[in-house]
Every structure is written in C-alpha cells, then in structure tokens.
Amino acid sequence: MKKSLSISFLLSQLSILLLLTSCSELLYVNIEQMVPPEVMPKHTTSSVGVVSNFSQHNVMVVNEDVIIQPCDAEAVKECVAQTFADAGFMHRVVVLDSLLYHPDSTESHILTQAEVNALCRELEVEMLYSIDYACLIYNPTSRFVTRPLNAYLCSRIYTPDGDSIRGTSVMNKETLDYWVDDTEEIAALLPNVPMLLAEAAIAPYLPSWKERERVIYYDRLCYAMREAKVYVYEGDWEGAAREWQQLYTDGRYRPYRCMAAYNLALYYEMTDRIDLALHSLDLAEELATRHGKNSQDAIAIIDTALLKKYREVLQNRKEELKKLEEL
C-alpha cells in the first residue's frame, strides 16, 4: 500500500512539474559591474608619481626590416599623469620633472629600493609609475601577414616595501590596432599616440566597468513573471523585484516560488547586496527539491546545477567587492 502511494505521489508531482515547466525558460540579460584592477600593487595606494625613464636610445631592439619611431617622452609622461588624474581614484598625482635615464644610455634604469623610498618620500606619494619606453613600430614588409603598426608602452610599478630589496615591479605592454600604408601616415598618427597609449597602459591598474551575462527564470503562464519581464526590459529592476518578491511570498506553486527566489538573487547582486543574494539563493535551493512523506520520495522541480553555478558567481563577486573597498 505504501509503495503504491509513493508511486502515486511521484506521478502526481511529476505531472504538475511538467505542466508548470513546459512553459518555463531562461532569459539572458546583460548587466554592468565595476570590477577591481587587473593588477593590484602589494599596498593600497591613493597617490602616484609618474616618472619618464626612456629616451630615443633605449627603445626595444627589433630586426632591421622595421621602422621604430619613439614617442615623445614628455608627452607620454604628461598623458599618463593626466589619465591617472581623470580616472578619479588617486587623490594626488605628481609628475617628476627630471628624467631618470642617462642621455647616452641604451637601457632603462631599474630603480633600487633606496631610490624608490627616497623618491616616494620626496614626492609624497605611495607609488611610482615608471615609463620604460613608448614607441611605434612599423613593418612595411608584412602588411598582409601581421598587423603592420604596433604602438607599445612598457612600464614598471614601484611601491615602498621594507621587506623587499627591490620595489614591486609590474611590466605592461599594450598594442593598438592601427593600419597604415606609409611612413607619412605614421607621422600623422604620432601626436595622438601618447594619450591613446596612456589610457590603455594604466587601465589594468584602475577599476573598470565590465559587462556580464546573467540569466533569469521566466514562465509565460505566470502573470507576475510576465510583468517582471516587462520591467526588466524597461530597465526597472525595482519593479521586477516587487513582482518576484510577491510571487515568492504569496505564490501558490512551489516551482514559481523557487524561480522567483532565484531571480531575486540577481536583483540583490545588481545592487551589490551579495549576502542577501546568497540568502535568496538558499531559499531557492530549499524549494528546488520537493520531498514526500518518505525521505526517498523526492523530485527536483528546478535544475540545481544552475543554482550551484550561480552560487560560485556570487562568491566571486563578493571577493571583487571586497577588493574594491580596499582601494
């Protein structure tokens, strides 16, 4: 008798599940989030000193088939400093007037820890951004094989660090996507290159906005979800959250309540309330499996793999927000 009731329970639940989920689908939405810098110095810094450390003699050596056009050192230095200032994350940006290289040198000067400490103390900054070289490289013989014009800016980051003999050093190289036909076009591009290089070069050291793809549950038979979908497409996430919250609180069918709880987790993520998002995901997981009288009688009404994957996403986002708070 118990066995027949158990089978009857499972069949009834399965029939309800098939009816409710046959009209359910996942909608893909794109959201923008501020993410921490790709490269984070050992110490949190709010001030930077920009140093030019290259001349026309110490650009990188390449084969004889290419044309090297060094950028103006002063222009690059000023553009890097301006880009740091415009980003708004540094309360103090200082430009070092004198260059560190020797006019006859063909190599960049790697700062010693003593030099780093002295310069940071003198400039009253917590970090030095040293530009090792910036140049354009044009290869006229490989126009249809590789990108013929590359613009490079290589730099090092130095920070005072009593536990290290040498300061923190980070190399950076960026390539700009330009196509040119002759050296005259190179000359025409050259005045614009320092600022373009500066913006690309310091990007890894500053927070930035990144577009990410997320999913929400939708069911065309559910009035609240249809309304929420309209709000989402209109960019009114507060309106969508109200529909999902009411559906979760007052909803009659467990699958819809589970979907609503999952969708609310995304809403909380968008407002950077990750703990609430994780709690909402917990509620969704509790609703994802329905049990019968016996512990063996259980049926999954929502694919829990998606919920587990989203939990990892939320944990990673929590770490990103922690890094942003440290800046």
Protein backbone atom coordinates (compact mmCIF):
# COMPACT_ATOMS: atom_id res chain seq x y z
CA MET A 1 0.00 0.00 0.00
CA LYS A 2 2.83 2.38 0.93
CA LYS A 3 4.59 1.59 -2.33
CA SER A 4 1.50 2.41 -4.39
CA LEU A 5 1.06 5.71 -2.53
CA SER A 6 4.70 6.52 -3.11
CA ILE A 7 4.37 5.93 -6.85
CA SER A 8 1.14 7.91 -6.93
CA PHE A 9 2.83 10.82 -5.15
CA LEU A 10 5.72 10.86 -7.59
CA LEU A 11 3.46 10.66 -10.62
CA SER A 12 1.25 13.48 -9.39
CA GLN A 13 4.22 15.70 -8.65
CA LEU A 14 5.79 14.88 -11.99
CA SER A 15 2.62 15.77 -13.86
CA ILE A 16 2.40 19.15 -12.08
CA LEU A 17 6.08 19.74 -12.75
CA LEU A 18 5.75 19.00 -16.45
CA LEU A 19 2.76 21.31 -16.73
CA LEU A 20 4.47 24.24 -14.99
CA THR A 21 7.90 23.87 -16.52
CA SER A 22 6.77 23.22 -20.09
CA CYS A 23 6.27 26.97 -20.46
CA SER A 24 9.33 27.96 -18.43
CA GLU A 25 12.53 29.24 -19.98
CA LEU A 26 15.70 31.14 -19.19
CA LEU A 27 16.09 34.74 -20.30
CA TYR A 28 19.60 36.09 -20.81
CA VAL A 29 20.31 39.63 -19.62
CA ASN A 30 23.49 41.72 -19.62
CA ILE A 31 24.48 43.75 -16.59
CA GLU A 32 27.41 46.09 -15.96
CA GLN A 33 29.55 45.79 -12.85
CA MET A 34 32.55 47.69 -11.59
CA VAL A 35 35.46 45.26 -11.23
CA PRO A 36 38.77 45.70 -9.37
CA PRO A 37 42.00 46.40 -11.25
CA GLU A 38 43.57 43.51 -13.12
CA VAL A 39 46.91 44.35 -11.48
CA MET A 40 46.86 45.28 -7.80
CA PRO A 41 50.04 46.55 -6.12
CA LYS A 42 51.03 44.99 -2.81
CA HIS A 43 49.96 48.12 -0.98
CA THR A 44 46.76 50.09 -1.39
CA THR A 45 47.70 53.43 -2.91
CA SER A 46 45.88 56.72 -3.34
CA SER A 47 48.78 58.76 -4.74
CA VAL A 48 51.19 58.19 -7.60
CA GLY A 49 54.32 59.77 -9.02
CA VAL A 50 54.76 59.47 -12.78
CA VAL A 51 58.35 59.11 -13.99
CA SER A 52 59.70 59.07 -17.54
CA ASN A 53 62.59 56.63 -17.86
CA PHE A 54 63.28 56.33 -21.58
CA SER A 55 64.94 58.18 -24.44
CA GLN A 56 65.24 57.65 -28.17
CA HIS A 57 68.27 55.46 -27.49
CA ASN A 58 66.69 52.85 -25.26
CA VAL A 59 63.64 51.72 -27.23
CA MET A 60 63.46 47.97 -27.70
CA VAL A 61 65.58 46.47 -30.45
CA VAL A 62 63.85 44.66 -33.32
CA ASN A 63 65.00 43.37 -36.67
CA GLU A 64 66.29 45.70 -39.38
CA ASP A 65 63.16 45.38 -41.54
CA VAL A 66 61.04 47.51 -39.21
CA ILE A 67 60.86 51.23 -38.60
CA ILE A 68 60.94 52.42 -34.97
CA GLN A 69 59.51 55.81 -34.08
CA PRO A 70 59.97 56.62 -30.37
CA CYS A 71 57.18 58.65 -28.80
CA ASP A 72 57.97 61.94 -27.14
CA ALA A 73 58.91 61.08 -23.55
CA GLU A 74 57.48 64.26 -22.05
CA ALA A 75 54.19 63.88 -23.91
CA VAL A 76 53.78 60.28 -22.78
CA LYS A 77 54.57 61.19 -19.17
CA GLU A 78 52.08 64.06 -19.14
CA CYS A 79 49.37 61.91 -20.74
CA VAL A 80 49.86 59.11 -18.20
CA ALA A 81 49.62 61.59 -15.33
CA GLN A 82 46.53 63.20 -16.85
CA THR A 83 44.86 59.81 -17.30
CA PHE A 84 45.52 58.89 -13.66
CA ALA A 85 44.03 62.21 -12.56
CA ASP A 86 40.97 61.92 -14.82
CA ALA A 87 40.23 58.42 -13.53
CA GLY A 88 39.42 59.93 -10.12
CA PHE A 89 40.84 57.13 -7.96
CA MET A 90 44.02 58.97 -6.94
CA HIS A 91 43.84 61.97 -4.62
CA ARG A 92 47.36 63.03 -5.60
CA VAL A 93 49.17 62.69 -8.95
CA VAL A 94 52.70 64.08 -9.22
CA VAL A 95 54.85 64.37 -12.35
CA LEU A 96 58.60 64.04 -11.84
CA ASP A 97 60.29 66.78 -13.88
CA SER A 98 63.73 65.24 -14.33
CA LEU A 99 64.20 62.05 -16.33
CA LEU A 100 65.93 59.09 -14.72
CA TYR A 101 67.79 57.81 -17.77
CA HIS A 102 71.26 58.92 -18.81
CA PRO A 103 71.17 60.57 -22.26
CA ASP A 104 73.75 58.11 -23.61
CA SER A 105 72.15 55.03 -22.07
CA THR A 106 70.55 52.36 -24.24
CA GLU A 107 68.84 50.59 -21.34
CA SER A 108 66.16 51.58 -18.86
CA HIS A 109 67.29 52.19 -15.30
CA ILE A 110 65.74 49.77 -12.81
CA LEU A 111 65.21 51.67 -9.57
CA THR A 112 66.75 50.31 -6.40
CA GLN A 113 64.68 50.08 -3.26
CA ALA A 114 66.59 53.01 -1.77
CA GLU A 115 65.79 55.15 -4.82
CA VAL A 116 62.14 54.16 -4.67
CA ASN A 117 61.86 55.04 -1.00
CA ALA A 118 63.65 58.36 -1.49
CA LEU A 119 61.52 59.39 -4.47
CA CYS A 120 58.25 58.41 -2.81
CA ARG A 121 59.24 60.33 0.31
CA GLU A 122 60.30 63.40 -1.68
CA LEU A 123 57.20 63.40 -3.89
CA GLU A 124 54.88 62.41 -1.01
CA VAL A 125 53.38 59.55 -3.00
CA GLU A 126 52.72 55.88 -2.28
CA MET A 127 53.55 54.53 -5.73
CA LEU A 128 55.82 55.30 -8.68
CA TYR A 129 54.76 54.66 -12.26
CA SER A 130 57.95 54.47 -14.33
CA ILE A 131 57.62 54.52 -18.13
CA ASP A 132 60.45 52.42 -19.61
CA TYR A 133 59.69 53.12 -23.25
CA ALA A 134 56.95 54.07 -25.66
CA CYS A 135 57.25 53.76 -29.40
CA LEU A 136 55.63 52.95 -32.71
CA ILE A 137 56.91 50.00 -34.72
CA TYR A 138 56.06 49.80 -38.39
CA ASN A 139 56.78 46.74 -40.53
CA PRO A 140 56.10 47.60 -44.18
CA THR A 141 57.08 44.14 -45.44
CA SER A 142 54.40 42.21 -43.53
CA ARG A 143 51.34 44.28 -44.29
CA PHE A 144 49.19 41.32 -45.24
CA VAL A 145 50.65 38.87 -42.72
CA THR A 146 50.64 40.66 -39.37
CA ARG A 147 49.45 43.97 -38.01
CA PRO A 148 51.86 46.44 -39.66
CA LEU A 149 51.82 49.14 -36.98
CA ASN A 150 52.16 48.45 -33.27
CA ALA A 151 52.29 51.02 -30.50
CA TYR A 152 53.97 49.94 -27.29
CA LEU A 153 54.23 51.37 -23.81
CA CYS A 154 56.14 49.36 -21.24
CA SER A 155 56.15 50.43 -17.64
CA ARG A 156 57.07 49.40 -14.11
CA ILE A 157 55.18 49.98 -10.89
CA TYR A 158 57.27 50.64 -7.78
CA THR A 159 56.00 50.84 -4.20
CA PRO A 160 57.90 51.26 -0.92
CA ASP A 161 58.32 47.81 0.58
CA GLY A 162 60.59 47.31 3.54
CA ASP A 163 60.52 43.52 3.13
CA SER A 164 61.83 43.64 -0.43
CA ILE A 165 65.26 44.57 -1.76
CA ARG A 166 63.64 45.85 -4.94
CA GLY A 167 60.29 47.56 -5.24
CA THR A 168 57.17 45.96 -6.66
CA SER A 169 57.69 45.70 -10.42
CA VAL A 170 54.96 45.10 -12.98
CA MET A 171 55.63 45.06 -16.71
CA ASN A 172 52.90 46.17 -19.06
CA LYS A 173 52.70 46.10 -22.85
CA GLU A 174 49.69 47.24 -24.91
CA THR A 175 49.14 47.03 -28.65
CA LEU A 176 46.99 49.47 -30.57
CA ASP A 177 45.13 48.25 -33.63
CA TYR A 178 46.21 50.58 -36.42
CA TRP A 179 46.71 50.01 -40.14
CA VAL A 180 48.87 52.40 -42.17
CA ASP A 181 50.28 52.43 -45.69
CA ASP A 182 53.43 54.51 -45.38
CA THR A 183 55.66 56.48 -43.03
CA GLU A 184 53.75 59.72 -43.73
CA GLU A 185 50.69 58.22 -42.06
CA ILE A 186 52.85 57.25 -39.09
CA ALA A 187 53.90 60.87 -38.68
CA ALA A 188 50.26 61.95 -38.79
CA LEU A 189 49.28 59.44 -36.08
CA LEU A 190 52.19 60.15 -33.75
CA PRO A 191 50.72 63.17 -31.88
CA ASN A 192 47.64 61.15 -30.85
CA VAL A 193 49.52 58.04 -29.74
CA PRO A 194 50.75 59.20 -26.28
CA MET A 195 47.22 59.72 -24.92
CA LEU A 196 45.88 56.53 -26.51
CA LEU A 197 48.80 54.58 -25.07
CA ALA A 198 48.38 56.19 -21.66
CA GLU A 199 44.70 55.24 -21.46
CA ALA A 200 45.44 51.65 -22.48
CA ALA A 201 48.54 51.31 -20.30
CA ILE A 202 47.05 52.30 -16.93
CA ALA A 203 43.74 50.51 -17.45
CA PRO A 204 44.98 47.33 -15.67
CA TYR A 205 45.74 49.39 -12.55
CA LEU A 206 42.35 51.07 -12.24
CA PRO A 207 38.83 49.77 -11.55
CA SER A 208 36.70 49.45 -14.67
CA TRP A 209 33.18 48.58 -15.80
CA LYS A 210 32.61 45.14 -17.26
CA GLU A 211 29.54 43.71 -18.98
CA ARG A 212 28.47 40.29 -17.78
CA GLU A 213 25.77 37.86 -18.82
CA ARG A 214 23.21 36.56 -16.34
CA VAL A 215 20.03 34.50 -16.61
CA ILE A 216 16.59 34.82 -15.03
CA TYR A 217 13.70 32.39 -14.94
CA TYR A 218 10.58 33.19 -16.93
CA ASP A 219 7.26 31.47 -17.42
CA ARG A 220 4.65 32.85 -19.81
CA LEU A 221 1.79 31.22 -17.86
CA CYS A 222 2.67 33.20 -14.72
CA TYR A 223 1.29 36.74 -14.62
CA ALA A 224 3.90 38.00 -12.12
CA MET A 225 6.76 36.73 -14.28
CA ARG A 226 5.29 38.28 -17.40
CA GLU A 227 5.07 41.61 -15.60
CA ALA A 228 8.59 41.24 -14.24
CA LYS A 229 9.91 40.56 -17.73
CA VAL A 230 8.46 43.85 -18.95
CA TYR A 231 10.10 45.70 -16.06
CA VAL A 232 13.45 44.05 -16.79
CA TYR A 233 13.38 45.01 -20.46
CA GLU A 234 12.48 48.57 -19.44
CA GLY A 235 15.42 48.65 -17.03
CA ASP A 236 13.12 48.91 -13.97
CA TRP A 237 14.68 46.28 -11.72
CA GLU A 238 12.86 47.63 -8.66
CA GLY A 239 9.55 46.89 -10.35
CA ALA A 240 10.72 43.40 -11.34
CA ALA A 241 11.89 42.73 -7.78
CA ARG A 242 8.45 43.67 -6.40
CA GLU A 243 6.79 41.14 -8.69
CA TRP A 244 9.27 38.41 -7.78
CA GLN A 245 9.02 39.15 -4.06
CA GLN A 246 5.23 38.96 -4.11
CA LEU A 247 5.37 35.77 -6.14
CA TYR A 248 7.80 34.21 -3.67
CA THR A 249 5.77 35.33 -0.63
CA ASP A 250 2.24 34.68 -1.87
CA GLY A 251 2.81 32.23 -4.70
CA ARG A 252 0.83 29.01 -4.65
CA TYR A 253 3.11 26.83 -6.75
CA ARG A 254 6.49 25.78 -5.46
CA PRO A 255 8.33 25.93 -8.84
CA TYR A 256 7.29 29.58 -9.34
CA ARG A 257 8.38 30.49 -5.82
CA CYS A 258 11.73 28.82 -6.45
CA MET A 259 12.21 30.74 -9.72
CA ALA A 260 11.23 33.98 -8.03
CA ALA A 261 13.77 33.46 -5.24
CA TYR A 262 16.48 32.80 -7.82
CA ASN A 263 15.57 35.93 -9.76
CA LEU A 264 15.63 37.98 -6.57
CA ALA A 265 19.21 36.83 -6.01
CA LEU A 266 20.16 38.52 -9.27
CA TYR A 267 18.38 41.71 -8.19
CA TYR A 268 20.37 41.76 -4.95
CA GLU A 269 23.59 41.11 -6.86
CA MET A 270 22.92 44.10 -9.10
CA THR A 271 22.60 46.30 -6.00
CA ASP A 272 25.84 44.80 -4.54
CA ARG A 273 24.00 43.17 -1.63
CA ILE A 274 25.70 39.83 -2.05
CA ASP A 275 24.79 38.42 1.37
CA LEU A 276 21.11 38.97 0.58
CA ALA A 277 21.66 37.42 -2.86
CA LEU A 278 23.21 34.32 -1.29
CA HIS A 279 20.34 34.10 1.21
CA SER A 280 17.80 34.34 -1.61
CA LEU A 281 19.67 31.60 -3.44
CA ASP A 282 19.47 29.45 -0.29
CA LEU A 283 15.70 29.88 -0.33
CA ALA A 284 15.60 28.86 -3.99
CA GLU A 285 17.63 25.73 -3.29
CA GLU A 286 15.31 24.77 -0.45
CA LEU A 287 12.39 24.97 -2.84
CA ALA A 288 14.21 23.24 -5.70
CA THR A 289 13.51 19.73 -4.41
CA ARG A 290 10.18 18.54 -3.09
CA HIS A 291 10.06 15.62 -0.68
CA GLY A 292 7.26 13.20 0.03
CA LYS A 293 6.37 11.55 3.29
CA ASN A 294 9.33 9.24 2.92
CA SER A 295 12.85 10.66 2.58
CA GLN A 296 13.31 8.56 -0.56
CA ASP A 297 10.37 10.25 -2.25
CA ALA A 298 11.88 13.40 -3.74
CA ILE A 299 11.66 15.11 -7.06
CA ALA A 300 13.72 18.04 -8.34
CA ILE A 301 11.48 20.79 -9.67
CA ILE A 302 14.37 23.06 -10.72
CA ASP A 303 17.76 22.13 -12.14
CA THR A 304 20.02 22.68 -9.14
CA ALA A 305 23.15 22.77 -11.34
CA LEU A 306 22.26 26.33 -12.38
CA LEU A 307 21.79 27.33 -8.75
CA LYS A 308 25.15 25.90 -7.74
CA LYS A 309 26.89 27.62 -10.63
CA TYR A 310 25.32 30.93 -9.70
CA ARG A 311 26.45 30.50 -6.10
CA GLU A 312 30.06 30.37 -7.34
CA VAL A 313 29.44 33.54 -9.35
CA LEU A 314 28.13 35.32 -6.25
CA GLN A 315 31.10 34.21 -4.15
CA ASN A 316 33.48 35.58 -6.77
CA ARG A 317 31.54 38.84 -6.91
CA LYS A 318 31.79 39.12 -3.13
CA GLU A 319 35.58 38.88 -3.39
CA GLU A 320 35.62 41.56 -6.11
CA LEU A 321 33.62 43.97 -3.96
CA LYS A 322 35.99 43.35 -1.08
CA LYS A 323 38.95 44.35 -3.27
CA LEU A 324 37.13 47.45 -4.46
CA GLU A 325 36.52 48.50 -0.86
CA GLU A 326 40.26 48.23 -0.19
CA LEU A 327 41.14 50.74 -2.90
